[in-house]
Amino acid sequence: MFSFETDSLLVDDREDLIAVLRMRFGFLPGEIIEKIYEINDYGTLQRLILAAANAANWEIFQKELHAGEESFRLLGEEFNPIADSLKGRDDINGAKTK
């Protein structure tokens, strides 16, 4: 791929990430937008888009954002986008969830 194509894909992914974050969490601090624009790795941006769409809350997404390129798996209830809304409800067996 040519450099301008790669640069265009990075810009698109950054904008997609920001859009998903705004849809999920509302207002974004300027320092978060700056940090997103410092990311130059296509794979990292793709992972963060998935994290933004699936993180249970803002704090979990921030941990993922600051994890850097070392993070590579999105596992567990931390990445269940409805986990916070299910807290305190009865599960299938009638037991309270945490």
N, C-alpha and C. Protein backbone atom coordinates (compact mmCIF):
# COMPACT_ATOMS: atom_id res chain seq x y z
N MET A 1 0.84 -1.18 0.00
CA MET A 1 0.00 0.00 0.00
C MET A 1 0.89 1.24 0.00
N PHE A 2 0.44 2.26 -0.69
CA PHE A 2 1.17 3.50 -0.73
C PHE A 2 1.00 4.24 0.58
N SER A 3 1.94 5.10 0.89
CA SER A 3 1.93 5.83 2.15
C SER A 3 0.66 6.64 2.33
N PHE A 4 0.23 7.33 1.26
CA PHE A 4 -0.98 8.16 1.41
C PHE A 4 -2.21 7.30 1.68
N GLU A 5 -2.24 6.04 1.17
CA GLU A 5 -3.35 5.15 1.46
C GLU A 5 -3.32 4.71 2.92
N THR A 6 -2.14 4.39 3.42
CA THR A 6 -1.98 4.00 4.81
C THR A 6 -2.35 5.16 5.71
N ASP A 7 -1.87 6.35 5.40
CA ASP A 7 -2.19 7.53 6.21
C ASP A 7 -3.69 7.78 6.22
N SER A 8 -4.33 7.59 5.09
CA SER A 8 -5.77 7.79 4.99
C SER A 8 -6.51 6.78 5.86
N LEU A 9 -6.06 5.53 5.85
CA LEU A 9 -6.69 4.51 6.69
C LEU A 9 -6.52 4.82 8.18
N LEU A 10 -5.35 5.32 8.55
CA LEU A 10 -5.11 5.68 9.95
C LEU A 10 -6.03 6.83 10.37
N VAL A 11 -6.16 7.82 9.52
CA VAL A 11 -7.05 8.95 9.82
C VAL A 11 -8.48 8.46 9.96
N ASP A 12 -8.91 7.61 9.04
CA ASP A 12 -10.27 7.07 9.10
C ASP A 12 -10.50 6.29 10.39
N ASP A 13 -9.54 5.45 10.76
CA ASP A 13 -9.69 4.67 11.99
C ASP A 13 -9.70 5.56 13.23
N ARG A 14 -8.87 6.58 13.24
CA ARG A 14 -8.89 7.51 14.38
C ARG A 14 -10.25 8.17 14.51
N GLU A 15 -10.78 8.63 13.38
CA GLU A 15 -12.10 9.28 13.39
C GLU A 15 -13.20 8.30 13.78
N ASP A 16 -13.10 7.05 13.32
CA ASP A 16 -14.07 6.03 13.72
C ASP A 16 -14.02 5.78 15.22
N LEU A 17 -12.81 5.69 15.76
CA LEU A 17 -12.65 5.47 17.21
C LEU A 17 -13.28 6.62 17.99
N ILE A 18 -12.99 7.82 17.59
CA ILE A 18 -13.55 9.00 18.28
C ILE A 18 -15.08 8.99 18.18
N ALA A 19 -15.61 8.64 17.02
CA ALA A 19 -17.07 8.60 16.84
C ALA A 19 -17.71 7.55 17.74
N VAL A 20 -17.12 6.37 17.82
CA VAL A 20 -17.67 5.32 18.69
C VAL A 20 -17.61 5.76 20.15
N LEU A 21 -16.51 6.36 20.55
CA LEU A 21 -16.39 6.83 21.93
C LEU A 21 -17.44 7.90 22.25
N ARG A 22 -17.66 8.81 21.33
CA ARG A 22 -18.68 9.85 21.57
C ARG A 22 -20.08 9.25 21.64
N MET A 23 -20.35 8.26 20.81
CA MET A 23 -21.66 7.61 20.86
C MET A 23 -21.87 6.87 22.18
N ARG A 24 -20.82 6.20 22.64
CA ARG A 24 -20.94 5.39 23.86
C ARG A 24 -20.88 6.22 25.13
N PHE A 25 -19.95 7.22 25.17
CA PHE A 25 -19.65 7.88 26.43
C PHE A 25 -19.90 9.38 26.44
N GLY A 26 -20.25 9.97 25.30
CA GLY A 26 -20.52 11.39 25.25
C GLY A 26 -19.26 12.21 25.03
N PHE A 27 -19.12 13.27 25.78
CA PHE A 27 -18.00 14.20 25.64
C PHE A 27 -16.66 13.49 25.84
N LEU A 28 -15.67 13.84 25.01
CA LEU A 28 -14.32 13.31 25.14
C LEU A 28 -13.36 14.43 25.52
N PRO A 29 -12.54 14.21 26.54
CA PRO A 29 -11.53 15.21 26.89
C PRO A 29 -10.52 15.37 25.75
N GLY A 30 -10.02 16.59 25.60
CA GLY A 30 -9.04 16.88 24.55
C GLY A 30 -7.81 16.00 24.61
N GLU A 31 -7.36 15.66 25.81
CA GLU A 31 -6.14 14.83 25.93
C GLU A 31 -6.36 13.42 25.40
N ILE A 32 -7.59 12.92 25.48
CA ILE A 32 -7.88 11.60 24.92
C ILE A 32 -7.84 11.67 23.39
N ILE A 33 -8.40 12.71 22.81
CA ILE A 33 -8.36 12.88 21.36
C ILE A 33 -6.91 13.02 20.89
N GLU A 34 -6.11 13.78 21.62
CA GLU A 34 -4.69 13.93 21.27
C GLU A 34 -3.98 12.58 21.32
N LYS A 35 -4.26 11.80 22.36
CA LYS A 35 -3.62 10.48 22.49
C LYS A 35 -4.01 9.58 21.32
N ILE A 36 -5.27 9.64 20.92
CA ILE A 36 -5.72 8.84 19.78
C ILE A 36 -4.98 9.25 18.52
N TYR A 37 -4.78 10.55 18.32
CA TYR A 37 -4.09 11.02 17.12
C TYR A 37 -2.58 10.75 17.15
N GLU A 38 -2.05 10.36 18.29
CA GLU A 38 -0.64 9.97 18.36
C GLU A 38 -0.43 8.51 17.94
N ILE A 39 -1.49 7.74 17.86
CA ILE A 39 -1.39 6.32 17.52
C ILE A 39 -1.17 6.18 16.01
N ASN A 40 -0.10 5.48 15.66
CA ASN A 40 0.25 5.30 14.25
C ASN A 40 0.24 3.84 13.83
N ASP A 41 -0.33 2.99 14.67
CA ASP A 41 -0.37 1.56 14.38
C ASP A 41 -1.81 1.16 14.04
N TYR A 42 -2.00 0.64 12.84
CA TYR A 42 -3.31 0.26 12.36
C TYR A 42 -3.97 -0.79 13.27
N GLY A 43 -3.21 -1.79 13.69
CA GLY A 43 -3.73 -2.86 14.56
C GLY A 43 -4.19 -2.33 15.91
N THR A 44 -3.44 -1.40 16.47
CA THR A 44 -3.81 -0.82 17.76
C THR A 44 -5.12 -0.05 17.64
N LEU A 45 -5.28 0.70 16.56
CA LEU A 45 -6.53 1.44 16.36
C LEU A 45 -7.71 0.50 16.19
N GLN A 46 -7.52 -0.57 15.45
CA GLN A 46 -8.60 -1.55 15.28
C GLN A 46 -8.99 -2.17 16.62
N ARG A 47 -8.01 -2.52 17.45
CA ARG A 47 -8.28 -3.09 18.77
C ARG A 47 -9.02 -2.09 19.65
N LEU A 48 -8.63 -0.82 19.58
CA LEU A 48 -9.28 0.19 20.40
C LEU A 48 -10.71 0.48 19.94
N ILE A 49 -10.98 0.36 18.64
CA ILE A 49 -12.35 0.51 18.16
C ILE A 49 -13.22 -0.60 18.76
N LEU A 50 -12.71 -1.83 18.76
CA LEU A 50 -13.45 -2.93 19.38
C LEU A 50 -13.62 -2.71 20.87
N ALA A 51 -12.57 -2.24 21.53
CA ALA A 51 -12.65 -1.96 22.97
C ALA A 51 -13.68 -0.88 23.25
N ALA A 52 -13.69 0.17 22.44
CA ALA A 52 -14.65 1.27 22.63
C ALA A 52 -16.08 0.78 22.47
N ALA A 53 -16.31 -0.10 21.54
CA ALA A 53 -17.65 -0.61 21.30
C ALA A 53 -18.10 -1.59 22.37
N ASN A 54 -17.16 -2.24 23.04
CA ASN A 54 -17.52 -3.33 23.95
C ASN A 54 -17.17 -3.11 25.41
N ALA A 55 -16.41 -2.08 25.74
CA ALA A 55 -16.04 -1.85 27.14
C ALA A 55 -17.29 -1.60 27.97
N ALA A 56 -17.33 -2.17 29.15
CA ALA A 56 -18.49 -2.02 30.02
C ALA A 56 -18.66 -0.58 30.50
N ASN A 57 -17.53 0.16 30.61
CA ASN A 57 -17.62 1.56 31.05
C ASN A 57 -16.38 2.32 30.59
N TRP A 58 -16.39 3.62 30.83
CA TRP A 58 -15.33 4.52 30.39
C TRP A 58 -13.98 4.15 31.00
N GLU A 59 -13.97 3.80 32.28
CA GLU A 59 -12.70 3.48 32.95
C GLU A 59 -12.02 2.27 32.31
N ILE A 60 -12.79 1.28 31.93
CA ILE A 60 -12.21 0.10 31.29
C ILE A 60 -11.62 0.47 29.93
N PHE A 61 -12.32 1.33 29.17
CA PHE A 61 -11.74 1.76 27.90
C PHE A 61 -10.43 2.51 28.13
N GLN A 62 -10.39 3.40 29.13
CA GLN A 62 -9.17 4.16 29.40
C GLN A 62 -8.01 3.24 29.74
N LYS A 63 -8.26 2.19 30.51
CA LYS A 63 -7.19 1.22 30.81
C LYS A 63 -6.66 0.61 29.52
N GLU A 64 -7.57 0.27 28.63
CA GLU A 64 -7.17 -0.33 27.35
C GLU A 64 -6.38 0.67 26.50
N LEU A 65 -6.82 1.91 26.50
CA LEU A 65 -6.13 2.95 25.74
C LEU A 65 -4.70 3.13 26.24
N HIS A 66 -4.52 3.10 27.55
CA HIS A 66 -3.20 3.31 28.13
C HIS A 66 -2.35 2.04 28.16
N ALA A 67 -2.95 0.90 27.81
CA ALA A 67 -2.19 -0.36 27.80
C ALA A 67 -1.18 -0.39 26.67
N GLY A 68 -1.41 0.40 25.64
CA GLY A 68 -0.47 0.46 24.52
C GLY A 68 -0.55 -0.76 23.64
N GLU A 69 0.51 -1.01 22.93
CA GLU A 69 0.54 -2.11 21.97
C GLU A 69 0.70 -3.47 22.63
N GLU A 70 0.98 -3.50 23.95
CA GLU A 70 1.17 -4.77 24.63
C GLU A 70 -0.13 -5.54 24.78
N SER A 71 -1.23 -4.83 24.84
CA SER A 71 -2.53 -5.46 25.03
C SER A 71 -2.99 -6.07 23.72
N PHE A 72 -3.55 -7.28 23.79
CA PHE A 72 -3.98 -7.90 22.54
C PHE A 72 -5.25 -8.71 22.67
N ARG A 73 -5.81 -8.84 23.87
CA ARG A 73 -7.04 -9.61 24.05
C ARG A 73 -8.08 -8.79 24.78
N LEU A 74 -9.31 -8.92 24.33
CA LEU A 74 -10.43 -8.26 24.98
C LEU A 74 -11.33 -9.37 25.52
N LEU A 75 -11.10 -9.73 26.80
CA LEU A 75 -11.81 -10.87 27.37
C LEU A 75 -12.57 -10.49 28.63
N GLY A 76 -13.59 -11.25 28.92
CA GLY A 76 -14.30 -11.17 30.19
C GLY A 76 -15.40 -10.13 30.22
N GLU A 77 -16.00 -10.01 31.38
CA GLU A 77 -17.12 -9.10 31.58
C GLU A 77 -16.74 -7.64 31.44
N GLU A 78 -15.44 -7.32 31.52
CA GLU A 78 -15.02 -5.94 31.31
C GLU A 78 -15.37 -5.47 29.90
N PHE A 79 -15.51 -6.41 28.98
CA PHE A 79 -15.82 -6.07 27.60
C PHE A 79 -17.21 -6.56 27.19
N ASN A 80 -18.12 -6.46 28.14
CA ASN A 80 -19.53 -6.71 27.90
C ASN A 80 -20.21 -5.34 27.99
N PRO A 81 -20.64 -4.77 26.88
CA PRO A 81 -21.15 -3.40 26.90
C PRO A 81 -22.39 -3.20 27.76
N ILE A 82 -23.07 -4.27 28.15
CA ILE A 82 -24.24 -4.10 29.00
C ILE A 82 -24.00 -4.60 30.42
N ALA A 83 -22.75 -4.88 30.77
CA ALA A 83 -22.43 -5.43 32.09
C ALA A 83 -22.89 -4.51 33.21
N ASP A 84 -22.63 -3.20 33.09
CA ASP A 84 -23.02 -2.29 34.15
C ASP A 84 -24.52 -2.22 34.34
N SER A 85 -25.27 -2.34 33.26
CA SER A 85 -26.73 -2.27 33.38
C SER A 85 -27.31 -3.55 33.96
N LEU A 86 -26.55 -4.65 33.95
CA LEU A 86 -27.02 -5.91 34.51
C LEU A 86 -26.69 -6.08 35.98
N LYS A 87 -25.84 -5.23 36.53
CA LYS A 87 -25.45 -5.35 37.94
C LYS A 87 -26.68 -5.24 38.83
N GLY A 88 -26.74 -6.14 39.81
CA GLY A 88 -27.83 -6.11 40.77
C GLY A 88 -29.09 -6.82 40.31
N ARG A 89 -29.10 -7.34 39.11
CA ARG A 89 -30.27 -8.07 38.61
C ARG A 89 -30.11 -9.55 38.92
N ASP A 90 -31.20 -10.26 38.98
CA ASP A 90 -31.17 -11.70 39.18
C ASP A 90 -30.71 -12.38 37.90
N ASP A 91 -29.87 -13.40 38.07
CA ASP A 91 -29.48 -14.17 36.89
C ASP A 91 -30.50 -15.28 36.65
N ILE A 92 -30.21 -16.17 35.77
CA ILE A 92 -31.14 -17.24 35.39
C ILE A 92 -31.52 -18.10 36.59
N ASN A 93 -30.58 -18.33 37.49
CA ASN A 93 -30.81 -19.19 38.65
C ASN A 93 -31.38 -18.44 39.83
N GLY A 94 -31.68 -17.16 39.71
CA GLY A 94 -32.25 -16.37 40.80
C GLY A 94 -31.22 -15.77 41.72
N ALA A 95 -29.93 -16.01 41.47
CA ALA A 95 -28.88 -15.42 42.30
C ALA A 95 -28.60 -14.01 41.84
N LYS A 96 -28.24 -13.14 42.77
CA LYS A 96 -27.90 -11.76 42.43
C LYS A 96 -26.55 -11.73 41.74
N THR A 97 -26.45 -10.89 40.69
CA THR A 97 -25.17 -10.68 40.04
C THR A 97 -24.46 -9.55 40.73
N LYS A 98 -23.15 -9.52 40.60
CA LYS A 98 -22.34 -8.48 41.24
C LYS A 98 -22.30 -7.24 40.41
